[in-house]
Amino acid sequence: MSKEHTSVQEEIGRGGIQSLSDTAHPPTPAHVPAVGNSASAGQDATQLVSLNKVPANLADEASKNALLEHLDEVLKSPSFNSSRRSQDFLRYIVRETVDGHGDSINERNIAHEVFGKGLNFEPGEDSLVRVKAREVRKRLAEYYDSAPSSPYLVEMPLGGYLPRIYVIERVPTKNQPRSSQENAARKPLDRRRFAWIVGGSLGILGAASIVPLVHFQRPPVDLLWKPIFATKTPLLVFIPILSERSDGALSDRVGIGPAAALRRAADFLTKHNYPYHLRFGADLTYAQLREQPSLILGGFSSIWTLEMTRDLRFTFVNNQGGDRQSLTSRGLVDGLVLVDKQTKQVWQAVNPKPDGYADQDYGILCRLFDAASGQIVLLAGGITTFGTEAAACVFFDPASFAEVVKKAPIDWETKNLQAVIRVSINGTTPSSPQIVATHFW
C-alpha cells in the first residue's frame, strides 16, 4: 500500500471513523444624581450615588433569574404586549446575551431564530430585521419612560443588535446642594440609574453604583460552528475515494490527508456531542447536500470541491498535460495550482514528487452560506493530500481559525469566506498551516 493513502476499513479499525449520533467606554453616568427633598427653601438637595466595583457572578442563578423576571415584566407591559414579533426579538437578544452568546447576535441569526427565515436569508435583500429593530428600540424607550424605578435598563444601540444591559443599584451618599439651574439640567437623568454595559470593564466613572453583567467573548471557531449546530441536523462528511492510476477505477482507499482530517473532525464533533454521517466517493448526491450541512474534503480528487469553488475568487486549476510553451505564453503555470482570480496570484506545490509528496503545499478552505445546495457547506482541499489535511484542520483549531478572521469585517459571521493556507511537509506530517490570503463576501 502506498504511504499516500489508507484503506477505509483500516481507518475504521483504528477508530478514526465513527458515527456520532464596549470595552468601548460605557455611557458616562454624569454622576447619575437622584433628586431628593429640598433641603431648604429656594435650594434643591441632590443626592449622589457612590461607585462600587462589584464583580459579576454569572454562576449566581438568583441574579440571572431576577434579570429574566425583569425581561418578562417588560414583555408583558403595554409597550410590548401588542406585538408578538417585538416580544420574540427582545427575548432572543437578551437571553442570548445573558447566556454568554452575544457574539452570535447578528442579522442573519435573528432572521433565522426569531422570524423562521431559512439559512439562505440575505440581509442585503430583506430589511425585515432592521425594520423590527427600530420598532423594538422605540418600545424599549417607551417602557423605561413609564418605569422610572426599574432596577434594570435594557437598550439596543443604533448600528447593532447586541443589547446593553444595565443594573441599577443605588447607594446614597452625602447630600450636596445644587442650584435650581444645575438641578434642572440633571432632571432628565433622574429616572435612570446606570450600571456597566454588558462586557464593559470597570473604571472610575464618577459617582455611580455599578453591577456588571459580563458578556464573554466566544472563540471565532465557536462562531463558525454555531449556525451549523443550530440546525440540529447531523453534519454530512464527504471523503473522496482515490482512483487506481492504471485504469481510473475507484479503489477502496482514501488519501491520508482526508483520513487525518476526518479524525480531527470526529474528535471535534464528539467533544461537542454533535452527530455526523459519512459519505465516500460516488456515495453522495445533490439531494443529500440539500438536506443537511456538510463538510466536503478533498481538492482535485473531489468533484464537489471543484464544482463549488469554480466561480469563487480562490479556485483550483488543472493545467497538467498542456503544452508548456502555450501555457507560458498565456501566463499560466504547468501542473495543479490554486489561483486568485482577482490578483492573478498562483500558488503551486513546492518540489512535488510522483508519489504525491511535496516539500510545501497549499490549500483552500471555504464556508458557504449561499452554496447551490441551499445549506451551509464547509470545503477543504489542497493541491496534494497534505494541503487538504491542513486546510480542514483550520476548521477545528481555535488558534488557526482566529488567524483566518484576524482582519475580517466585523460581520464576518454572516458572510461567506475563503482562505488560502500554506503548509510545509516533513515526511508525511504537515506543519501548522499559515494563512496567506482571505476573502469575505
Protein backbone atom coordinates (compact mmCIF):
# COMPACT_ATOMS: atom_id res chain seq x y z
CA MET A 1 0.00 0.00 0.00
CA SER A 2 1.35 3.43 -0.92
CA LYS A 3 2.02 5.71 2.02
CA GLU A 4 -0.10 8.47 0.47
CA HIS A 5 -3.41 6.73 1.09
CA THR A 6 -5.02 4.44 3.59
CA SER A 7 -7.74 1.83 3.48
CA VAL A 8 -11.20 2.86 4.60
CA GLN A 9 -11.50 -0.39 6.51
CA GLU A 10 -8.11 0.17 8.13
CA GLU A 11 -9.07 3.66 9.24
CA ILE A 12 -12.32 2.34 10.72
CA GLY A 13 -10.38 -0.34 12.54
CA ARG A 14 -8.13 2.25 14.13
CA GLY A 15 -11.15 4.11 15.42
CA GLY A 16 -10.59 7.09 13.16
CA ILE A 17 -14.00 6.80 11.51
CA GLN A 18 -17.06 6.64 13.69
CA SER A 19 -20.65 7.76 13.59
CA LEU A 20 -21.91 10.02 16.37
CA SER A 21 -25.16 10.35 16.92
CA ASP A 22 -17.65 48.18 24.96
CA THR A 23 -14.80 47.83 26.27
CA ALA A 24 -15.61 50.81 24.50
CA HIS A 25 -16.25 53.38 27.10
CA PRO A 26 -19.62 52.83 28.76
CA PRO A 27 -22.22 55.57 28.76
CA THR A 28 -21.00 58.20 31.16
CA PRO A 29 -23.40 58.39 34.09
CA ALA A 30 -22.62 62.08 34.71
CA HIS A 31 -22.72 61.28 38.43
CA VAL A 32 -26.24 59.95 37.99
CA PRO A 33 -27.90 62.18 40.56
CA ALA A 34 -31.04 61.23 42.39
CA VAL A 35 -33.05 64.26 43.34
CA GLY A 36 -34.08 64.28 46.99
CA ASN A 37 -36.34 66.54 49.01
CA SER A 38 -35.47 70.22 49.20
CA ALA A 39 -33.00 70.89 51.97
CA SER A 40 -34.25 74.42 52.42
CA ALA A 41 -36.48 76.96 50.75
CA GLY A 42 -35.19 78.01 47.32
CA GLN A 43 -32.49 75.29 47.32
CA ASP A 44 -32.64 71.72 46.00
CA ALA A 45 -30.65 68.89 47.53
CA THR A 46 -29.13 66.45 45.08
CA GLN A 47 -28.38 63.02 46.44
CA LEU A 48 -25.43 61.34 44.72
CA VAL A 49 -24.74 57.64 44.43
CA SER A 50 -21.28 56.23 45.03
CA LEU A 51 -19.22 53.95 42.78
CA ASN A 52 -18.76 50.35 43.90
CA LYS A 53 -16.80 47.79 41.89
CA VAL A 54 -18.85 44.62 42.19
CA PRO A 55 -17.61 41.72 40.02
CA ALA A 56 -20.20 39.86 38.02
CA ASN A 57 -21.15 36.36 39.08
CA LEU A 58 -23.00 34.67 36.25
CA ALA A 59 -22.97 31.44 38.23
CA ASP A 60 -25.45 33.12 40.55
CA GLU A 61 -28.75 31.75 39.25
CA ALA A 62 -30.69 34.12 41.50
CA SER A 63 -29.23 37.17 39.73
CA LYS A 64 -29.86 35.67 36.31
CA ASN A 65 -33.43 34.76 37.25
CA ALA A 66 -34.03 38.29 38.54
CA LEU A 67 -32.97 39.74 35.20
CA LEU A 68 -35.14 37.28 33.29
CA GLU A 69 -38.10 38.17 35.55
CA HIS A 70 -37.50 41.80 34.61
CA LEU A 71 -37.48 40.78 30.95
CA ASP A 72 -40.86 39.09 31.43
CA GLU A 73 -42.23 42.27 33.01
CA VAL A 74 -41.06 44.29 30.02
CA LEU A 75 -42.56 41.83 27.53
CA LYS A 76 -45.92 41.82 29.35
CA SER A 77 -46.07 45.60 29.59
CA PRO A 78 -48.36 47.70 27.35
CA SER A 79 -45.26 48.72 25.43
CA PHE A 80 -44.71 45.17 24.14
CA ASN A 81 -47.79 43.03 24.71
CA SER A 82 -49.39 44.14 21.45
CA SER A 83 -46.54 42.86 19.26
CA ARG A 84 -45.57 39.20 19.37
CA ARG A 85 -42.65 39.73 16.99
CA SER A 86 -41.21 42.55 19.10
CA GLN A 87 -41.50 40.30 22.15
CA ASP A 88 -39.70 37.44 20.39
CA PHE A 89 -36.99 39.80 19.13
CA LEU A 90 -36.22 41.29 22.56
CA ARG A 91 -36.46 37.92 24.30
CA TYR A 92 -33.94 36.40 21.88
CA ILE A 93 -31.26 39.08 22.09
CA VAL A 94 -31.46 39.37 25.91
CA ARG A 95 -31.42 35.62 26.54
CA GLU A 96 -28.50 35.09 24.12
CA THR A 97 -26.55 37.82 25.91
CA VAL A 98 -27.29 36.54 29.40
CA ASP A 99 -26.29 33.03 28.33
CA GLY A 100 -22.93 34.34 27.08
CA HIS A 101 -23.75 34.03 23.38
CA GLY A 102 -23.85 37.71 22.50
CA ASP A 103 -21.29 37.24 19.73
CA SER A 104 -23.84 35.19 17.83
CA ILE A 105 -26.37 38.02 17.70
CA ASN A 106 -26.42 39.22 14.12
CA GLU A 107 -28.97 39.99 11.44
CA ARG A 108 -28.86 36.57 9.81
CA ASN A 109 -29.24 34.65 13.09
CA ILE A 110 -32.10 36.87 14.24
CA ALA A 111 -33.89 36.28 10.94
CA HIS A 112 -33.38 32.53 11.37
CA GLU A 113 -34.10 32.15 15.10
CA VAL A 114 -36.80 34.80 15.60
CA PHE A 115 -38.58 35.03 12.27
CA GLY A 116 -38.06 31.50 10.98
CA LYS A 117 -36.17 32.53 7.86
CA GLY A 118 -34.02 29.95 6.10
CA LEU A 119 -30.23 29.89 6.12
CA ASN A 120 -30.27 31.44 2.64
CA PHE A 121 -31.70 34.68 4.09
CA GLU A 122 -29.86 37.66 2.59
CA PRO A 123 -29.81 40.76 4.87
CA GLY A 124 -28.93 42.98 1.93
CA GLU A 125 -32.12 42.00 0.14
CA ASP A 126 -34.55 41.84 3.08
CA SER A 127 -34.84 44.64 5.67
CA LEU A 128 -37.14 42.67 8.00
CA VAL A 129 -34.71 42.57 10.93
CA ARG A 130 -33.64 46.22 10.64
CA VAL A 131 -37.25 47.44 10.50
CA LYS A 132 -38.25 45.38 13.53
CA ALA A 133 -35.15 46.52 15.44
CA ARG A 134 -36.24 50.16 15.07
CA GLU A 135 -39.62 49.24 16.50
CA VAL A 136 -38.08 47.38 19.44
CA ARG A 137 -35.88 50.40 20.27
CA LYS A 138 -38.95 52.65 20.35
CA ARG A 139 -40.88 50.22 22.54
CA LEU A 140 -37.96 49.94 24.99
CA ALA A 141 -37.72 53.72 25.29
CA GLU A 142 -41.46 53.89 25.86
CA TYR A 143 -41.31 51.24 28.60
CA TYR A 144 -38.48 52.84 30.60
CA ASP A 145 -40.06 56.28 30.28
CA SER A 146 -43.06 54.76 32.05
CA ALA A 147 -40.97 52.86 34.65
CA PRO A 148 -38.54 55.32 36.29
CA SER A 149 -37.95 52.98 39.26
CA SER A 150 -36.92 50.00 37.16
CA PRO A 151 -33.93 48.11 38.63
CA TYR A 152 -32.62 47.43 35.12
CA LEU A 153 -32.18 49.25 31.86
CA VAL A 154 -32.03 47.39 28.53
CA GLU A 155 -31.03 49.28 25.40
CA MET A 156 -30.23 48.29 21.81
CA PRO A 157 -27.85 50.90 20.36
CA LEU A 158 -28.16 52.04 16.77
CA GLY A 159 -25.99 50.15 14.33
CA GLY A 160 -26.19 46.77 16.05
CA TYR A 161 -28.39 44.25 17.83
CA LEU A 162 -26.30 43.39 20.90
CA PRO A 163 -28.25 44.78 23.86
CA ARG A 164 -26.70 46.89 26.57
CA ILE A 165 -27.95 45.73 29.93
CA TYR A 166 -27.53 47.98 32.93
CA VAL A 167 -28.14 47.06 36.57
CA ILE A 168 -29.24 49.91 38.81
CA GLU A 169 -28.03 49.85 42.39
CA ARG A 170 -28.48 52.99 44.47
CA VAL A 171 -26.13 53.71 47.35
CA PRO A 172 -26.89 57.17 48.78
CA THR A 173 -24.01 59.41 49.81
CA LYS A 174 -23.81 62.86 51.29
CA ASN A 175 -26.42 65.35 50.06
CA GLN A 176 -24.92 68.29 48.22
CA PRO A 177 -26.90 71.44 47.44
CA ARG A 178 -27.37 72.29 43.82
CA SER A 179 -28.59 75.42 42.19
CA SER A 180 -32.01 75.29 40.55
CA GLN A 181 -30.32 75.71 37.16
CA GLU A 182 -27.93 72.79 37.74
CA ASN A 183 -30.71 70.58 39.02
CA ALA A 184 -32.97 71.36 36.06
CA ALA A 185 -30.21 70.32 33.70
CA ARG A 186 -29.84 67.00 35.54
CA LYS A 187 -33.51 66.08 35.86
CA PRO A 188 -33.77 64.15 32.56
CA LEU A 189 -31.31 61.62 34.04
CA ASP A 190 -33.18 61.21 37.32
CA ARG A 191 -35.31 58.30 36.12
CA ARG A 192 -32.44 56.01 35.21
CA ARG A 193 -29.54 54.81 37.29
CA PHE A 194 -26.84 53.40 35.13
CA ALA A 195 -24.52 50.47 35.68
CA TRP A 196 -21.98 48.95 33.40
CA ILE A 197 -22.62 47.87 29.85
CA VAL A 198 -22.54 44.13 29.31
CA GLY A 199 -18.95 43.27 28.54
CA GLY A 200 -17.59 46.60 29.84
CA SER A 201 -14.65 46.78 32.23
CA LEU A 202 -14.95 48.67 35.49
CA GLY A 203 -13.38 52.11 35.84
CA ILE A 204 -13.84 55.24 37.88
CA LEU A 205 -16.79 56.87 36.18
CA GLY A 206 -17.89 59.31 38.83
CA ALA A 207 -20.47 58.71 41.48
CA ALA A 208 -22.49 55.65 40.48
CA SER A 209 -23.01 52.19 41.85
CA ILE A 210 -22.36 49.57 39.23
CA VAL A 211 -23.03 45.85 38.99
CA PRO A 212 -21.75 44.44 35.68
CA LEU A 213 -23.21 41.61 33.73
CA VAL A 214 -20.23 40.24 31.83
CA HIS A 215 -20.55 39.27 28.18
CA PHE A 216 -17.97 36.57 27.49
CA GLN A 217 -16.13 36.59 24.18
CA ARG A 218 -16.51 33.33 22.33
CA PRO A 219 -13.64 31.99 20.20
CA PRO A 220 -14.17 32.62 16.47
CA VAL A 221 -14.16 28.88 15.80
CA ASP A 222 -17.24 28.55 18.03
CA LEU A 223 -18.98 31.24 15.99
CA LEU A 224 -18.07 29.37 12.81
CA TRP A 225 -19.84 26.24 14.03
CA LYS A 226 -22.77 27.86 15.84
CA PRO A 227 -25.10 28.12 12.79
CA ILE A 228 -24.28 24.51 11.87
CA PHE A 229 -25.03 23.25 15.37
CA ALA A 230 -28.20 25.37 15.38
CA THR A 231 -29.61 23.30 12.52
CA LYS A 232 -29.68 20.26 14.86
CA THR A 233 -29.12 18.15 11.76
CA PRO A 234 -26.21 15.68 11.50
CA LEU A 235 -23.20 17.00 9.62
CA LEU A 236 -22.57 15.18 6.35
CA VAL A 237 -18.84 14.49 5.94
CA PHE A 238 -17.70 13.59 2.42
CA ILE A 239 -14.41 11.77 1.73
CA PRO A 240 -13.31 11.24 -1.89
CA ILE A 241 -12.18 7.75 -2.89
CA LEU A 242 -8.89 7.57 -4.77
CA SER A 243 -8.86 6.14 -8.27
CA GLU A 244 -6.38 3.48 -9.32
CA ARG A 245 -3.76 5.08 -11.52
CA SER A 246 -3.83 2.31 -14.10
CA ASP A 247 -7.41 2.40 -15.31
CA GLY A 248 -9.06 5.16 -13.31
CA ALA A 249 -11.39 2.77 -11.47
CA LEU A 250 -12.32 3.69 -7.92
CA SER A 251 -10.42 1.86 -5.19
CA ASP A 252 -11.28 1.30 -1.52
CA ARG A 253 -8.67 3.78 -0.36
CA VAL A 254 -8.82 7.38 0.77
CA GLY A 255 -5.98 9.90 0.90
CA ILE A 256 -4.11 10.13 4.17
CA GLY A 257 -4.90 13.85 4.29
CA PRO A 258 -8.69 13.46 4.23
CA ALA A 259 -8.39 10.49 6.62
CA ALA A 260 -6.37 12.56 9.11
CA ALA A 261 -8.82 15.45 8.71
CA LEU A 262 -11.68 13.07 9.39
CA ARG A 263 -10.11 12.02 12.66
CA ARG A 264 -9.82 15.69 13.71
CA ALA A 265 -13.44 16.24 12.71
CA ALA A 266 -14.56 13.18 14.68
CA ASP A 267 -12.71 14.37 17.81
CA PHE A 268 -14.18 17.86 17.50
CA LEU A 269 -17.75 16.70 16.90
CA THR A 270 -17.52 14.11 19.67
CA LYS A 271 -16.37 16.81 22.07
CA HIS A 272 -19.41 18.88 21.13
CA ASN A 273 -21.72 15.88 21.16
CA TYR A 274 -22.79 16.57 17.59
CA PRO A 275 -23.70 13.73 15.18
CA TYR A 276 -22.37 13.24 11.68
CA HIS A 277 -22.85 10.96 8.70
CA LEU A 278 -20.10 9.75 6.35
CA ARG A 279 -20.23 9.51 2.58
CA PHE A 280 -17.44 8.14 0.36
CA GLY A 281 -16.60 8.56 -3.32
CA ALA A 282 -19.67 8.33 -5.52
CA ASP A 283 -21.84 7.79 -2.42
CA LEU A 284 -23.06 11.39 -2.36
CA THR A 285 -25.91 13.02 -4.21
CA TYR A 286 -27.03 16.61 -4.67
CA ALA A 287 -30.26 15.74 -2.86
CA GLN A 288 -28.25 14.76 0.23
CA LEU A 289 -26.39 18.07 0.17
CA ARG A 290 -29.73 19.86 0.25
CA GLU A 291 -30.84 18.02 3.38
CA GLN A 292 -28.09 18.86 5.88
CA PRO A 293 -24.94 20.92 6.46
CA SER A 294 -21.81 19.31 5.07
CA LEU A 295 -18.03 19.14 5.29
CA ILE A 296 -16.50 18.23 1.93
CA LEU A 297 -12.86 17.12 1.96
CA GLY A 298 -10.50 16.85 -0.98
CA GLY A 299 -9.17 19.16 -3.64
CA PHE A 300 -8.59 17.89 -7.15
CA SER A 301 -9.83 14.45 -6.05
CA SER A 302 -13.30 15.82 -5.19
CA ILE A 303 -15.69 16.76 -7.99
CA TRP A 304 -17.85 18.54 -5.42
CA THR A 305 -14.99 20.80 -4.31
CA LEU A 306 -14.04 21.62 -7.89
CA GLU A 307 -17.64 22.40 -8.83
CA MET A 308 -18.44 24.54 -5.80
CA THR A 309 -15.25 26.63 -5.99
CA ARG A 310 -15.24 27.05 -9.77
CA ASP A 311 -16.76 30.54 -9.70
CA LEU A 312 -15.21 31.69 -6.41
CA ARG A 313 -12.23 34.03 -6.01
CA PHE A 314 -9.81 31.28 -4.94
CA THR A 315 -10.14 28.23 -7.13
CA PHE A 316 -8.45 25.01 -8.27
CA VAL A 317 -6.96 24.94 -11.79
CA ASN A 318 -5.62 21.85 -13.52
CA ASN A 319 -3.03 22.78 -16.16
CA GLN A 320 -1.49 19.33 -16.29
CA GLY A 321 -0.76 17.84 -19.69
CA GLY A 322 -0.95 21.13 -21.55
CA ASP A 323 1.64 22.47 -23.92
CA ARG A 324 4.21 24.16 -21.70
CA GLN A 325 5.07 26.83 -24.26
CA SER A 326 1.42 27.63 -24.84
CA LEU A 327 0.78 27.83 -21.09
CA THR A 328 3.75 30.12 -20.57
CA SER A 329 2.68 32.43 -23.39
CA ARG A 330 -0.70 32.81 -21.69
CA GLY A 331 0.87 33.47 -18.30
CA LEU A 332 -0.22 30.07 -16.96
CA VAL A 333 1.68 27.60 -14.80
CA ASP A 334 2.00 23.95 -15.71
CA GLY A 335 0.50 21.49 -13.23
CA LEU A 336 -2.08 21.60 -10.45
CA VAL A 337 -2.36 25.09 -8.99
CA LEU A 338 -4.53 27.40 -6.91
CA VAL A 339 -5.44 30.74 -8.49
CA ASP A 340 -6.64 34.08 -7.12
CA LYS A 341 -8.90 35.36 -9.88
CA GLN A 342 -8.70 38.96 -8.64
CA THR A 343 -4.94 39.37 -8.27
CA LYS A 344 -3.90 36.58 -10.68
CA GLN A 345 -1.72 35.17 -7.90
CA VAL A 346 -0.85 31.50 -8.46
CA TRP A 347 0.13 29.01 -5.77
CA GLN A 348 1.84 25.74 -6.65
CA ALA A 349 3.19 22.86 -4.55
CA VAL A 350 6.93 23.13 -3.99
CA ASN A 351 9.04 20.25 -5.28
CA PRO A 352 6.12 17.89 -5.99
CA LYS A 353 7.07 14.24 -6.39
CA PRO A 354 5.49 11.43 -8.44
CA ASP A 355 4.27 9.70 -5.28
CA GLY A 356 2.16 12.72 -4.38
CA TYR A 357 4.52 14.14 -1.78
CA ALA A 358 5.86 17.70 -1.81
CA ASP A 359 8.03 19.91 0.38
CA GLN A 360 5.35 22.57 0.62
CA ASP A 361 1.68 22.59 -0.27
CA TYR A 362 -1.23 25.00 -0.49
CA GLY A 363 -4.92 24.51 0.19
CA ILE A 364 -8.26 26.33 0.15
CA LEU A 365 -10.91 26.32 2.86
CA CYS A 366 -14.41 27.76 2.42
CA ARG A 367 -17.56 28.37 4.45
CA LEU A 368 -20.53 28.96 2.16
CA PHE A 369 -23.98 30.06 3.25
CA ASP A 370 -25.30 30.51 -0.24
CA ALA A 371 -23.96 27.36 -1.85
CA ALA A 372 -26.04 25.86 -4.62
CA SER A 373 -27.24 23.19 -2.19
CA GLY A 374 -29.08 25.76 -0.05
CA GLN A 375 -27.26 24.50 3.06
CA ILE A 376 -24.14 25.55 4.95
CA VAL A 377 -21.14 23.92 3.31
CA LEU A 378 -17.57 23.68 4.61
CA LEU A 379 -14.96 22.83 1.98
CA ALA A 380 -11.28 21.96 2.48
CA GLY A 381 -8.94 20.85 -0.28
CA GLY A 382 -5.26 21.01 -1.15
CA ILE A 383 -3.08 20.60 -4.18
CA THR A 384 -1.79 17.42 -2.54
CA THR A 385 -3.34 15.32 0.18
CA PHE A 386 -1.37 17.22 2.84
CA GLY A 387 -2.88 20.54 1.82
CA THR A 388 -6.31 19.00 2.31
CA GLU A 389 -5.43 17.88 5.82
CA ALA A 390 -4.01 21.27 6.80
CA ALA A 391 -6.92 23.26 5.32
CA ALA A 392 -9.52 21.08 7.03
CA CYS A 393 -7.83 21.22 10.41
CA VAL A 394 -8.24 25.02 10.46
CA PHE A 395 -11.97 24.42 10.97
CA PHE A 396 -11.27 22.66 14.28
CA ASP A 397 -8.30 24.61 15.67
CA PRO A 398 -9.17 27.82 17.58
CA ALA A 399 -5.76 29.44 17.03
CA SER A 400 -5.63 28.72 13.30
CA PHE A 401 -9.19 29.89 12.62
CA ALA A 402 -8.61 33.03 14.69
CA GLU A 403 -5.89 33.91 12.16
CA VAL A 404 -8.39 33.49 9.32
CA VAL A 405 -10.72 36.14 10.76
CA LYS A 406 -7.99 38.35 12.22
CA LYS A 407 -8.60 41.04 9.59
CA ALA A 408 -12.16 40.04 8.74
CA PRO A 409 -15.05 42.51 8.59
CA ILE A 410 -16.96 42.85 11.84
CA ASP A 411 -19.94 40.94 10.44
CA TRP A 412 -17.88 38.02 9.10
CA GLU A 413 -20.16 35.54 10.91
CA THR A 414 -22.90 36.23 8.37
CA LYS A 415 -20.66 36.15 5.32
CA ASN A 416 -19.22 33.51 3.05
CA LEU A 417 -15.48 33.12 3.48
CA GLN A 418 -12.46 31.65 1.74
CA ALA A 419 -8.85 31.32 2.83
CA VAL A 420 -5.68 30.03 1.23
CA ILE A 421 -3.24 28.22 3.51
CA ARG A 422 0.40 27.24 3.14
CA VAL A 423 1.91 24.22 4.87
CA SER A 424 5.37 22.66 4.98
CA ILE A 425 5.60 18.87 4.96
CA ASN A 426 8.10 16.78 6.91
CA GLY A 427 7.83 13.22 5.66
CA THR A 428 4.10 12.59 5.96
CA THR A 429 3.47 15.22 8.63
CA PRO A 430 2.29 18.70 7.67
CA SER A 431 3.23 21.69 9.82
CA SER A 432 0.73 24.11 11.29
CA PRO A 433 -0.94 25.98 8.43
CA GLN A 434 -0.16 29.61 7.67
CA ILE A 435 -2.90 31.86 6.30
CA VAL A 436 -1.70 33.58 3.12
CA ALA A 437 -4.94 35.08 1.74
CA THR A 438 -8.56 35.54 2.81
CA HIS A 439 -11.77 36.76 1.21
CA PHE A 440 -15.18 37.54 2.74
CA TRP A 441 -18.38 38.40 0.89
